[in-house]
Amino acid sequence: MPFIHTITNKSVSESQEAALRRRFGEAITLLPGKSEEWLMLALSDERPMAFRANASEDLAMIEVSLYGKAPKEAKNDLTGAITAIVSEELGIRGDHIYITYAETDTWGYDGENF
């Protein structure tokens, strides 16, 4: 039950959003036990953002939330994949992309918690 939230200061077209959905769905399988079947995505584009006090460059913040834990190596692989995807699809440099992970042992779905 992963959730990926992409926040960027760029405008994202429908075709770019569709490409992100497709490619993130493929990439999430880098984490053991995770699949596109349970992946939820959110995109917040055209958000005011600054990095190093500079608001004129293209930026992205990616938040990955997971039910359970994933091995550090798998998260490292996913970070590489997400960075490549966002760079290729949105034209954002890798050194202007942050990715965070939040792992939880409680996740609600369909009125109940796992």
N, C-alpha and C. Protein backbone atom coordinates (compact mmCIF):
# COMPACT_ATOMS: atom_id res chain seq x y z
N MET A 1 0.84 -1.18 0.00
CA MET A 1 0.00 0.00 0.00
C MET A 1 0.88 1.24 0.00
N PRO A 2 1.57 1.47 -1.07
CA PRO A 2 2.38 2.69 -1.15
C PRO A 2 1.59 3.88 -1.67
N PHE A 3 2.08 5.05 -1.33
CA PHE A 3 1.52 6.32 -1.79
C PHE A 3 2.69 7.21 -2.19
N ILE A 4 2.64 7.76 -3.38
CA ILE A 4 3.69 8.66 -3.85
C ILE A 4 3.06 10.01 -4.17
N HIS A 5 3.54 11.04 -3.51
CA HIS A 5 3.08 12.41 -3.73
C HIS A 5 4.21 13.19 -4.38
N THR A 6 3.96 13.71 -5.55
CA THR A 6 4.93 14.52 -6.28
C THR A 6 4.52 15.98 -6.20
N ILE A 7 5.41 16.80 -5.69
CA ILE A 7 5.18 18.24 -5.59
C ILE A 7 6.24 18.92 -6.45
N THR A 8 5.81 19.81 -7.32
CA THR A 8 6.75 20.51 -8.19
C THR A 8 6.28 21.92 -8.47
N ASN A 9 7.22 22.76 -8.82
CA ASN A 9 6.86 24.13 -9.20
C ASN A 9 6.60 24.24 -10.70
N LYS A 10 6.76 23.17 -11.42
CA LYS A 10 6.51 23.16 -12.86
C LYS A 10 5.04 22.87 -13.15
N SER A 11 4.59 23.31 -14.31
CA SER A 11 3.30 22.90 -14.82
C SER A 11 3.46 21.53 -15.46
N VAL A 12 2.57 20.61 -15.14
CA VAL A 12 2.66 19.25 -15.65
C VAL A 12 1.48 19.00 -16.58
N SER A 13 1.77 18.61 -17.80
CA SER A 13 0.72 18.34 -18.78
C SER A 13 0.05 17.00 -18.48
N GLU A 14 -1.10 16.77 -19.11
CA GLU A 14 -1.81 15.50 -18.92
C GLU A 14 -0.96 14.32 -19.39
N SER A 15 -0.24 14.50 -20.49
CA SER A 15 0.59 13.40 -20.99
C SER A 15 1.78 13.14 -20.06
N GLN A 16 2.35 14.18 -19.47
CA GLN A 16 3.43 13.99 -18.50
C GLN A 16 2.91 13.29 -17.25
N GLU A 17 1.73 13.69 -16.79
CA GLU A 17 1.14 13.05 -15.62
C GLU A 17 0.87 11.57 -15.89
N ALA A 18 0.36 11.26 -17.06
CA ALA A 18 0.10 9.86 -17.42
C ALA A 18 1.40 9.07 -17.46
N ALA A 19 2.47 9.67 -17.97
CA ALA A 19 3.77 8.99 -18.01
C ALA A 19 4.29 8.75 -16.60
N LEU A 20 4.14 9.73 -15.71
CA LEU A 20 4.56 9.55 -14.31
C LEU A 20 3.79 8.41 -13.67
N ARG A 21 2.47 8.38 -13.89
CA ARG A 21 1.64 7.31 -13.31
C ARG A 21 2.13 5.94 -13.79
N ARG A 22 2.33 5.81 -15.08
CA ARG A 22 2.75 4.54 -15.65
C ARG A 22 4.12 4.12 -15.13
N ARG A 23 5.05 5.05 -15.16
CA ARG A 23 6.43 4.71 -14.79
C ARG A 23 6.59 4.51 -13.28
N PHE A 24 5.88 5.30 -12.46
CA PHE A 24 5.92 5.06 -11.02
C PHE A 24 5.30 3.70 -10.70
N GLY A 25 4.26 3.32 -11.43
CA GLY A 25 3.64 2.00 -11.24
C GLY A 25 4.61 0.87 -11.50
N GLU A 26 5.47 1.05 -12.50
CA GLU A 26 6.49 0.05 -12.79
C GLU A 26 7.58 0.08 -11.73
N ALA A 27 8.01 1.27 -11.33
CA ALA A 27 9.14 1.43 -10.40
C ALA A 27 8.83 0.93 -9.00
N ILE A 28 7.57 1.01 -8.57
CA ILE A 28 7.24 0.64 -7.19
C ILE A 28 7.54 -0.84 -6.93
N THR A 29 7.61 -1.63 -7.98
CA THR A 29 7.91 -3.06 -7.80
C THR A 29 9.36 -3.29 -7.37
N LEU A 30 10.17 -2.25 -7.37
CA LEU A 30 11.53 -2.37 -6.84
C LEU A 30 11.53 -2.62 -5.34
N LEU A 31 10.42 -2.30 -4.68
CA LEU A 31 10.26 -2.57 -3.25
C LEU A 31 9.58 -3.92 -3.08
N PRO A 32 10.18 -4.82 -2.32
CA PRO A 32 9.60 -6.14 -2.13
C PRO A 32 8.16 -6.06 -1.62
N GLY A 33 7.27 -6.81 -2.28
CA GLY A 33 5.88 -6.87 -1.85
C GLY A 33 5.02 -5.70 -2.28
N LYS A 34 5.56 -4.75 -3.02
CA LYS A 34 4.78 -3.58 -3.45
C LYS A 34 4.46 -3.72 -4.94
N SER A 35 3.27 -3.26 -5.31
CA SER A 35 2.86 -3.37 -6.71
C SER A 35 1.99 -2.17 -7.09
N GLU A 36 1.82 -2.01 -8.39
CA GLU A 36 0.98 -0.93 -8.90
C GLU A 36 -0.48 -1.12 -8.47
N GLU A 37 -0.88 -2.37 -8.21
CA GLU A 37 -2.26 -2.65 -7.84
C GLU A 37 -2.70 -1.86 -6.61
N TRP A 38 -1.78 -1.60 -5.67
CA TRP A 38 -2.12 -0.88 -4.44
C TRP A 38 -1.53 0.53 -4.40
N LEU A 39 -0.90 0.97 -5.46
CA LEU A 39 -0.23 2.27 -5.48
C LEU A 39 -1.23 3.41 -5.68
N MET A 40 -1.17 4.38 -4.77
CA MET A 40 -1.96 5.60 -4.91
C MET A 40 -0.97 6.74 -5.20
N LEU A 41 -1.36 7.62 -6.11
CA LEU A 41 -0.49 8.72 -6.52
C LEU A 41 -1.22 10.05 -6.37
N ALA A 42 -0.45 11.09 -6.08
CA ALA A 42 -0.98 12.46 -6.08
C ALA A 42 0.06 13.36 -6.72
N LEU A 43 -0.40 14.36 -7.44
CA LEU A 43 0.48 15.32 -8.08
C LEU A 43 0.03 16.72 -7.72
N SER A 44 0.94 17.50 -7.20
CA SER A 44 0.69 18.92 -6.92
C SER A 44 1.68 19.70 -7.76
N ASP A 45 1.20 20.29 -8.86
CA ASP A 45 2.11 21.04 -9.72
C ASP A 45 1.88 22.54 -9.55
N GLU A 46 2.78 23.31 -10.13
CA GLU A 46 2.74 24.77 -10.07
C GLU A 46 2.70 25.30 -8.63
N ARG A 47 3.43 24.65 -7.74
CA ARG A 47 3.49 25.07 -6.34
C ARG A 47 4.68 26.00 -6.15
N PRO A 48 4.52 27.06 -5.38
CA PRO A 48 5.68 27.92 -5.08
C PRO A 48 6.72 27.12 -4.31
N MET A 49 7.94 27.09 -4.83
CA MET A 49 9.03 26.35 -4.18
C MET A 49 10.33 27.11 -4.38
N ALA A 50 11.24 26.93 -3.45
CA ALA A 50 12.57 27.51 -3.56
C ALA A 50 13.58 26.52 -3.02
N PHE A 51 14.78 26.55 -3.60
CA PHE A 51 15.89 25.69 -3.16
C PHE A 51 17.13 26.57 -3.13
N ARG A 52 17.80 26.56 -1.98
CA ARG A 52 18.96 27.44 -1.79
C ARG A 52 18.57 28.90 -1.98
N ALA A 53 17.36 29.24 -1.53
CA ALA A 53 16.80 30.59 -1.61
C ALA A 53 16.54 31.05 -3.04
N ASN A 54 16.53 30.11 -3.98
CA ASN A 54 16.31 30.43 -5.38
C ASN A 54 14.98 29.82 -5.82
N ALA A 55 14.06 30.66 -6.23
CA ALA A 55 12.74 30.19 -6.65
C ALA A 55 12.61 30.13 -8.18
N SER A 56 13.70 30.32 -8.90
CA SER A 56 13.61 30.39 -10.36
C SER A 56 13.95 29.09 -11.07
N GLU A 57 14.38 28.06 -10.34
CA GLU A 57 14.75 26.80 -10.97
C GLU A 57 13.66 25.75 -10.78
N ASP A 58 13.62 24.77 -11.68
CA ASP A 58 12.65 23.69 -11.60
C ASP A 58 13.01 22.76 -10.44
N LEU A 59 12.01 22.42 -9.64
CA LEU A 59 12.23 21.62 -8.43
C LEU A 59 11.15 20.55 -8.29
N ALA A 60 11.47 19.51 -7.52
CA ALA A 60 10.46 18.50 -7.17
C ALA A 60 10.77 17.93 -5.80
N MET A 61 9.72 17.69 -5.05
CA MET A 61 9.78 16.99 -3.76
C MET A 61 8.87 15.78 -3.91
N ILE A 62 9.42 14.60 -3.69
CA ILE A 62 8.66 13.36 -3.83
C ILE A 62 8.57 12.72 -2.45
N GLU A 63 7.34 12.46 -2.01
CA GLU A 63 7.10 11.82 -0.72
C GLU A 63 6.57 10.41 -0.97
N VAL A 64 7.29 9.42 -0.46
CA VAL A 64 6.89 8.02 -0.62
C VAL A 64 6.47 7.49 0.75
N SER A 65 5.22 7.11 0.88
CA SER A 65 4.70 6.55 2.13
C SER A 65 4.46 5.06 1.92
N LEU A 66 4.86 4.27 2.92
CA LEU A 66 4.77 2.82 2.80
C LEU A 66 4.10 2.21 4.02
N TYR A 67 3.25 1.21 3.77
CA TYR A 67 2.77 0.36 4.85
C TYR A 67 3.84 -0.70 5.05
N GLY A 68 4.41 -0.75 6.23
CA GLY A 68 5.49 -1.67 6.52
C GLY A 68 6.83 -1.03 6.21
N LYS A 69 7.83 -1.87 6.14
CA LYS A 69 9.20 -1.39 5.91
C LYS A 69 9.74 -2.00 4.63
N ALA A 70 10.71 -1.31 4.06
CA ALA A 70 11.40 -1.81 2.88
C ALA A 70 12.90 -1.77 3.16
N PRO A 71 13.65 -2.69 2.60
CA PRO A 71 15.11 -2.69 2.80
C PRO A 71 15.74 -1.40 2.24
N LYS A 72 16.79 -0.97 2.90
CA LYS A 72 17.48 0.26 2.49
C LYS A 72 17.93 0.18 1.03
N GLU A 73 18.44 -0.98 0.62
CA GLU A 73 18.92 -1.14 -0.76
C GLU A 73 17.78 -0.96 -1.75
N ALA A 74 16.60 -1.48 -1.43
CA ALA A 74 15.44 -1.36 -2.32
C ALA A 74 14.99 0.10 -2.40
N LYS A 75 15.01 0.78 -1.26
CA LYS A 75 14.64 2.21 -1.28
C LYS A 75 15.66 3.00 -2.09
N ASN A 76 16.93 2.63 -2.00
CA ASN A 76 17.95 3.30 -2.80
C ASN A 76 17.70 3.09 -4.30
N ASP A 77 17.32 1.85 -4.67
CA ASP A 77 16.99 1.57 -6.07
C ASP A 77 15.78 2.40 -6.52
N LEU A 78 14.77 2.49 -5.66
CA LEU A 78 13.58 3.28 -6.01
C LEU A 78 13.93 4.76 -6.12
N THR A 79 14.78 5.26 -5.24
CA THR A 79 15.20 6.66 -5.33
C THR A 79 15.86 6.93 -6.68
N GLY A 80 16.73 6.03 -7.12
CA GLY A 80 17.37 6.18 -8.42
C GLY A 80 16.36 6.18 -9.55
N ALA A 81 15.39 5.27 -9.47
CA ALA A 81 14.37 5.17 -10.52
C ALA A 81 13.48 6.42 -10.54
N ILE A 82 13.03 6.86 -9.37
CA ILE A 82 12.18 8.05 -9.31
C ILE A 82 12.92 9.27 -9.83
N THR A 83 14.18 9.41 -9.44
CA THR A 83 14.98 10.55 -9.92
C THR A 83 15.07 10.53 -11.44
N ALA A 84 15.35 9.38 -12.01
CA ALA A 84 15.44 9.26 -13.47
C ALA A 84 14.11 9.58 -14.13
N ILE A 85 13.02 9.07 -13.59
CA ILE A 85 11.70 9.29 -14.16
C ILE A 85 11.35 10.77 -14.16
N VAL A 86 11.51 11.42 -13.02
CA VAL A 86 11.16 12.84 -12.91
C VAL A 86 12.08 13.69 -13.79
N SER A 87 13.34 13.34 -13.85
CA SER A 87 14.27 14.07 -14.72
C SER A 87 13.88 13.94 -16.18
N GLU A 88 13.58 12.71 -16.60
CA GLU A 88 13.24 12.46 -18.00
C GLU A 88 11.88 13.03 -18.39
N GLU A 89 10.88 12.87 -17.53
CA GLU A 89 9.53 13.29 -17.88
C GLU A 89 9.28 14.78 -17.66
N LEU A 90 9.90 15.36 -16.64
CA LEU A 90 9.63 16.77 -16.31
C LEU A 90 10.83 17.68 -16.57
N GLY A 91 11.98 17.11 -16.90
CA GLY A 91 13.15 17.93 -17.18
C GLY A 91 13.76 18.58 -15.96
N ILE A 92 13.56 17.98 -14.78
CA ILE A 92 14.12 18.52 -13.55
C ILE A 92 15.43 17.81 -13.25
N ARG A 93 16.46 18.58 -12.99
CA ARG A 93 17.78 17.99 -12.69
C ARG A 93 17.71 17.16 -11.42
N GLY A 94 18.47 16.07 -11.40
CA GLY A 94 18.50 15.18 -10.24
C GLY A 94 18.90 15.86 -8.96
N ASP A 95 19.79 16.86 -9.06
CA ASP A 95 20.22 17.56 -7.85
C ASP A 95 19.23 18.65 -7.42
N HIS A 96 18.05 18.64 -8.04
CA HIS A 96 16.97 19.54 -7.65
C HIS A 96 15.72 18.74 -7.27
N ILE A 97 15.94 17.47 -6.93
CA ILE A 97 14.86 16.57 -6.53
C ILE A 97 15.17 16.01 -5.15
N TYR A 98 14.23 16.17 -4.23
CA TYR A 98 14.32 15.53 -2.91
C TYR A 98 13.30 14.39 -2.88
N ILE A 99 13.66 13.30 -2.22
CA ILE A 99 12.76 12.17 -2.04
C ILE A 99 12.80 11.75 -0.57
N THR A 100 11.64 11.66 0.05
CA THR A 100 11.57 11.20 1.43
C THR A 100 10.75 9.92 1.51
N TYR A 101 11.00 9.15 2.56
CA TYR A 101 10.27 7.91 2.81
C TYR A 101 9.67 7.96 4.20
N ALA A 102 8.42 7.55 4.30
CA ALA A 102 7.75 7.40 5.59
C ALA A 102 7.20 5.98 5.64
N GLU A 103 7.61 5.23 6.66
CA GLU A 103 7.16 3.85 6.83
C GLU A 103 6.29 3.77 8.08
N THR A 104 5.16 3.08 7.96
CA THR A 104 4.24 2.98 9.09
C THR A 104 3.76 1.55 9.25
N ASP A 105 3.46 1.17 10.49
CA ASP A 105 2.91 -0.16 10.73
C ASP A 105 1.38 -0.13 10.86
N THR A 106 0.79 1.05 10.73
CA THR A 106 -0.66 1.18 10.76
C THR A 106 -1.10 1.92 9.50
N TRP A 107 -2.01 1.30 8.76
CA TRP A 107 -2.49 1.90 7.52
C TRP A 107 -3.97 1.59 7.42
N GLY A 108 -4.78 2.62 7.26
CA GLY A 108 -6.22 2.43 7.14
C GLY A 108 -6.65 2.23 5.71
N TYR A 109 -7.60 1.31 5.54
CA TYR A 109 -8.15 1.04 4.20
C TYR A 109 -9.54 0.44 4.36
N ASP A 110 -10.48 0.98 3.64
CA ASP A 110 -11.84 0.45 3.61
C ASP A 110 -12.46 0.36 5.00
N GLY A 111 -12.21 1.38 5.82
CA GLY A 111 -12.82 1.46 7.14
C GLY A 111 -12.13 0.71 8.25
N GLU A 112 -11.00 0.09 7.95
CA GLU A 112 -10.26 -0.68 8.96
C GLU A 112 -8.77 -0.39 8.84
N ASN A 113 -8.04 -0.76 9.88
CA ASN A 113 -6.58 -0.64 9.87
C ASN A 113 -5.94 -2.01 9.69
N PHE A 114 -4.83 -1.99 8.99
CA PHE A 114 -4.02 -3.20 8.87
C PHE A 114 -3.12 -3.29 10.08
